[in-house]
Each structure stands twice: as structure tokens, then as C-alpha cells.
Amino acid sequence: MRGPFKAGLIALLLALLSSQAIACLPSAEYLENATALAQRFRFASIVLGGLILCLDLWERRVSLALPVAGWLLFSWGLLIHRTPTPRYRPDCTVPLVEYSQYVLGITSVLLGCRILTARRTSHSN
């Protein structure tokens, strides 16, 4: 490698590495907003889990979606209560918010599958 090219490459790598090291310095307000957002996702997930429960009670049967949603919400609730302060990654993402989004997405899919199953059984009768 030539001297100027090598020096430029090293300078670029050092700039990238140093910007990654100090890229995120979130404030307390940032973490409070992230916690509030995670609580909203949690509430929405509980509502969707309640809809799965209501649909099972209405049809008077227990589907696979109900225990899966119950286990998911229970274990996620334990995770929230065992994490007293939310942490953040170097890229400023808060894992608690990401996990909340995953739980809401999975619960939404479970509810969708449960609704499709209920529709299919109601049309076959």
C-alpha cells in the first residue's frame, strides 16, 4: 500500500470507530420516553391477548394461541419487572422497546391466526 492511501484509510477507520464509541449519549428523558413506549406496547399486547381469550370463550374451546399468548405475555412481564432500569445499546436502541415490539407482533399474528381459524370453523358448520 502506498503511504498516503494507507494513512487515509487508517484515519477513516479511526474516525468511524471513535464515532461509534460516543455515538449515543441518551438522556434520562430519552429512557423515560422509551419506557413509556414499551408500556404502550405492553398494554396493546395485553388487549390482543384478551381478544384471543374472548374469542376462545365465545367458541367454548381452547386453541393453541391462548396458552402461547399467555406464556409470552407472562414471561415478558417477568422480564420487564426484573429489569428495573432500561438499558440502551451503542446505537441508541433500547432492547426493552424492541422486545415489546416483538411481543406485540407475535401476539398480533396469533390473534390473526385465531380469527382465521374461527372463521373457517364457523363457515364449515
C-alpha atoms as a PDB file:
ATOM      1  CA  MET A   1       0.000   0.000   0.000  1.00  0.00           C
ATOM      2  CA  ARG A   2       1.107   3.487  -0.701  1.00  0.00           C
ATOM      3  CA  GLY A   3       1.760   5.864   2.170  1.00  0.00           C
ATOM      4  CA  PRO A   4      -0.995   8.478   1.637  1.00  0.00           C
ATOM      5  CA  PHE A   5      -3.635   5.819   0.861  1.00  0.00           C
ATOM      6  CA  LYS A   6      -2.693   3.837   3.947  1.00  0.00           C
ATOM      7  CA  ALA A   7      -2.766   6.926   6.171  1.00  0.00           C
ATOM      8  CA  GLY A   8      -6.147   7.965   4.752  1.00  0.00           C
ATOM      9  CA  LEU A   9      -7.582   4.505   5.355  1.00  0.00           C
ATOM     10  CA  ILE A  10      -6.320   4.478   8.939  1.00  0.00           C
ATOM     11  CA  ALA A  11      -7.761   7.965   9.549  1.00  0.00           C
ATOM     12  CA  LEU A  12     -11.127   6.868   8.150  1.00  0.00           C
ATOM     13  CA  LEU A  13     -11.219   3.742  10.316  1.00  0.00           C
ATOM     14  CA  LEU A  14     -10.274   5.700  13.433  1.00  0.00           C
ATOM     15  CA  ALA A  15     -12.999   8.259  12.718  1.00  0.00           C
ATOM     16  CA  LEU A  16     -15.594   5.508  12.283  1.00  0.00           C
ATOM     17  CA  LEU A  17     -14.527   3.679  15.415  1.00  0.00           C
ATOM     18  CA  SER A  18     -14.446   6.808  17.550  1.00  0.00           C
ATOM     19  CA  SER A  19     -17.865   7.943  16.328  1.00  0.00           C
ATOM     20  CA  GLN A  20     -19.293   4.520  17.221  1.00  0.00           C
ATOM     21  CA  ALA A  21     -17.858   4.744  20.708  1.00  0.00           C
ATOM     22  CA  ILE A  22     -19.513   8.080  21.523  1.00  0.00           C
ATOM     23  CA  ALA A  23     -22.431   7.951  19.099  1.00  0.00           C
ATOM     24  CA  CYS A  24     -25.107   7.673  21.735  1.00  0.00           C
ATOM     25  CA  LEU A  25     -25.406   9.562  24.973  1.00  0.00           C
ATOM     26  CA  PRO A  26     -29.121   9.324  25.756  1.00  0.00           C
ATOM     27  CA  SER A  27     -30.577  11.455  28.480  1.00  0.00           C
ATOM     28  CA  ALA A  28     -32.885  10.420  31.272  1.00  0.00           C
ATOM     29  CA  GLU A  29     -35.792  11.838  29.261  1.00  0.00           C
ATOM     30  CA  TYR A  30     -34.890   9.557  26.341  1.00  0.00           C
ATOM     31  CA  LEU A  31     -35.003   6.495  28.591  1.00  0.00           C
ATOM     32  CA  GLU A  32     -38.286   7.640  30.185  1.00  0.00           C
ATOM     33  CA  ASN A  33     -39.845   8.021  26.728  1.00  0.00           C
ATOM     34  CA  ALA A  34     -38.577   4.566  25.771  1.00  0.00           C
ATOM     35  CA  THR A  35     -40.069   3.092  28.932  1.00  0.00           C
ATOM     36  CA  ALA A  36     -43.414   4.793  28.258  1.00  0.00           C
ATOM     37  CA  LEU A  37     -43.391   3.476  24.693  1.00  0.00           C
ATOM     38  CA  ALA A  38     -42.654  -0.046  25.940  1.00  0.00           C
ATOM     39  CA  GLN A  39     -45.590   0.245  28.355  1.00  0.00           C
ATOM     40  CA  ARG A  40     -47.887   1.233  25.468  1.00  0.00           C
ATOM     41  CA  PHE A  41     -46.743  -1.797  23.506  1.00  0.00           C
ATOM     42  CA  ARG A  42     -47.324  -3.932  26.593  1.00  0.00           C
ATOM     43  CA  PHE A  43     -50.869  -2.601  27.012  1.00  0.00           C
ATOM     44  CA  ALA A  44     -51.650  -3.261  23.340  1.00  0.00           C
ATOM     45  CA  SER A  45     -50.278  -6.807  23.654  1.00  0.00           C
ATOM     46  CA  ILE A  46     -52.431  -7.451  26.714  1.00  0.00           C
ATOM     47  CA  VAL A  47     -55.503  -6.186  24.861  1.00  0.00           C
ATOM     48  CA  LEU A  48     -54.774  -8.515  21.929  1.00  0.00           C
ATOM     49  CA  GLY A  49     -54.232 -11.407  24.350  1.00  0.00           C
ATOM     50  CA  GLY A  50     -57.585 -10.552  25.917  1.00  0.00           C
ATOM     51  CA  LEU A  51     -59.197 -10.678  22.483  1.00  0.00           C
ATOM     52  CA  ILE A  52     -57.760 -14.164  21.960  1.00  0.00           C
ATOM     53  CA  LEU A  53     -59.209 -15.179  25.342  1.00  0.00           C
ATOM     54  CA  CYS A  54     -62.617 -13.694  24.475  1.00  0.00           C
ATOM     55  CA  LEU A  55     -62.667 -15.492  21.137  1.00  0.00           C
ATOM     56  CA  ASP A  56     -61.850 -18.799  22.845  1.00  0.00           C
ATOM     57  CA  LEU A  57     -64.538 -18.237  25.459  1.00  0.00           C
ATOM     58  CA  TRP A  58     -67.062 -17.314  22.784  1.00  0.00           C
ATOM     59  CA  GLU A  59     -66.363 -20.517  20.869  1.00  0.00           C
ATOM     60  CA  ARG A  60     -66.138 -22.535  24.108  1.00  0.00           C
ATOM     61  CA  ARG A  61     -62.823 -24.129  23.241  1.00  0.00           C
ATOM     62  CA  VAL A  62     -59.156 -23.582  23.946  1.00  0.00           C
ATOM     63  CA  SER A  63     -56.905 -23.007  20.976  1.00  0.00           C
ATOM     64  CA  LEU A  64     -53.140 -23.256  20.840  1.00  0.00           C
ATOM     65  CA  ALA A  65     -52.950 -19.458  20.512  1.00  0.00           C
ATOM     66  CA  LEU A  66     -54.285 -18.912  24.033  1.00  0.00           C
ATOM     67  CA  PRO A  67     -51.559 -20.703  26.041  1.00  0.00           C
ATOM     68  CA  VAL A  68     -48.856 -19.410  23.697  1.00  0.00           C
ATOM     69  CA  ALA A  69     -50.063 -15.818  24.116  1.00  0.00           C
ATOM     70  CA  GLY A  70     -50.418 -16.320  27.875  1.00  0.00           C
ATOM     71  CA  TRP A  71     -46.908 -17.714  28.212  1.00  0.00           C
ATOM     72  CA  LEU A  72     -45.488 -14.952  26.015  1.00  0.00           C
ATOM     73  CA  LEU A  73     -47.164 -12.157  27.979  1.00  0.00           C
ATOM     74  CA  PHE A  74     -46.303 -13.707  31.348  1.00  0.00           C
ATOM     75  CA  SER A  75     -42.627 -14.272  30.544  1.00  0.00           C
ATOM     76  CA  TRP A  76     -42.338 -10.828  29.001  1.00  0.00           C
ATOM     77  CA  GLY A  77     -43.939  -9.321  32.108  1.00  0.00           C
ATOM     78  CA  LEU A  78     -41.322 -11.046  34.260  1.00  0.00           C
ATOM     79  CA  LEU A  79     -38.600  -9.623  32.032  1.00  0.00           C
ATOM     80  CA  ILE A  80     -39.961  -6.114  32.489  1.00  0.00           C
ATOM     81  CA  HIS A  81     -40.205  -6.429  36.263  1.00  0.00           C
ATOM     82  CA  ARG A  82     -36.711  -7.905  36.512  1.00  0.00           C
ATOM     83  CA  THR A  83     -35.262  -5.001  34.510  1.00  0.00           C
ATOM     84  CA  PRO A  84     -35.537  -2.041  36.878  1.00  0.00           C
ATOM     85  CA  THR A  85     -33.860   0.457  34.572  1.00  0.00           C
ATOM     86  CA  PRO A  86     -33.902   0.152  30.805  1.00  0.00           C
ATOM     87  CA  ARG A  87     -30.556  -0.105  29.103  1.00  0.00           C
ATOM     88  CA  TYR A  88     -29.572   1.089  25.686  1.00  0.00           C
ATOM     89  CA  ARG A  89     -27.170  -0.102  23.054  1.00  0.00           C
ATOM     90  CA  PRO A  90     -24.426   1.991  21.451  1.00  0.00           C
ATOM     91  CA  ASP A  91     -26.726   2.731  18.504  1.00  0.00           C
ATOM     92  CA  CYS A  92     -29.293   4.272  20.932  1.00  0.00           C
ATOM     93  CA  THR A  93     -31.817   1.453  20.636  1.00  0.00           C
ATOM     94  CA  VAL A  94     -33.477   0.304  23.830  1.00  0.00           C
ATOM     95  CA  PRO A  95     -33.834  -3.504  23.925  1.00  0.00           C
ATOM     96  CA  LEU A  96     -36.958  -3.247  26.090  1.00  0.00           C
ATOM     97  CA  VAL A  97     -38.750  -1.378  23.297  1.00  0.00           C
ATOM     98  CA  GLU A  98     -37.553  -3.891  20.713  1.00  0.00           C
ATOM     99  CA  TYR A  99     -38.763  -6.826  22.805  1.00  0.00           C
ATOM    100  CA  SER A 100     -42.086  -5.055  23.289  1.00  0.00           C
ATOM    101  CA  GLN A 101     -42.438  -4.690  19.529  1.00  0.00           C
ATOM    102  CA  TYR A 102     -41.655  -8.373  19.028  1.00  0.00           C
ATOM    103  CA  VAL A 103     -44.240  -9.432  21.616  1.00  0.00           C
ATOM    104  CA  LEU A 104     -46.879  -7.175  20.052  1.00  0.00           C
ATOM    105  CA  GLY A 105     -46.082  -8.546  16.593  1.00  0.00           C
ATOM    106  CA  ILE A 106     -46.250 -12.171  17.702  1.00  0.00           C
ATOM    107  CA  THR A 107     -49.482 -11.563  19.611  1.00  0.00           C
ATOM    108  CA  SER A 108     -50.962  -9.880  16.536  1.00  0.00           C
ATOM    109  CA  VAL A 109     -50.053 -12.874  14.389  1.00  0.00           C
ATOM    110  CA  LEU A 110     -51.556 -15.250  16.978  1.00  0.00           C
ATOM    111  CA  LEU A 111     -54.782 -13.244  17.015  1.00  0.00           C
ATOM    112  CA  GLY A 112     -54.889 -13.211  13.218  1.00  0.00           C
ATOM    113  CA  CYS A 113     -54.421 -16.983  13.061  1.00  0.00           C
ATOM    114  CA  ARG A 114     -57.083 -17.435  15.729  1.00  0.00           C
ATOM    115  CA  ILE A 115     -59.548 -15.256  13.822  1.00  0.00           C
ATOM    116  CA  LEU A 116     -58.899 -17.191  10.611  1.00  0.00           C
ATOM    117  CA  THR A 117     -59.415 -20.472  12.444  1.00  0.00           C
ATOM    118  CA  ALA A 118     -62.671 -19.207  13.953  1.00  0.00           C
ATOM    119  CA  ARG A 119     -63.892 -18.066  10.546  1.00  0.00           C
ATOM    120  CA  ARG A 120     -63.041 -21.385   8.973  1.00  0.00           C
ATOM    121  CA  THR A 121     -64.867 -23.352  11.679  1.00  0.00           C
ATOM    122  CA  SER A 122     -67.914 -21.052  11.545  1.00  0.00           C
ATOM    123  CA  HIS A 123     -68.178 -21.470   7.764  1.00  0.00           C
ATOM    124  CA  SER A 124     -67.900 -25.243   7.954  1.00  0.00           C
ATOM    125  CA  ASN A 125     -70.890 -25.527  10.311  1.00  0.00           C
END
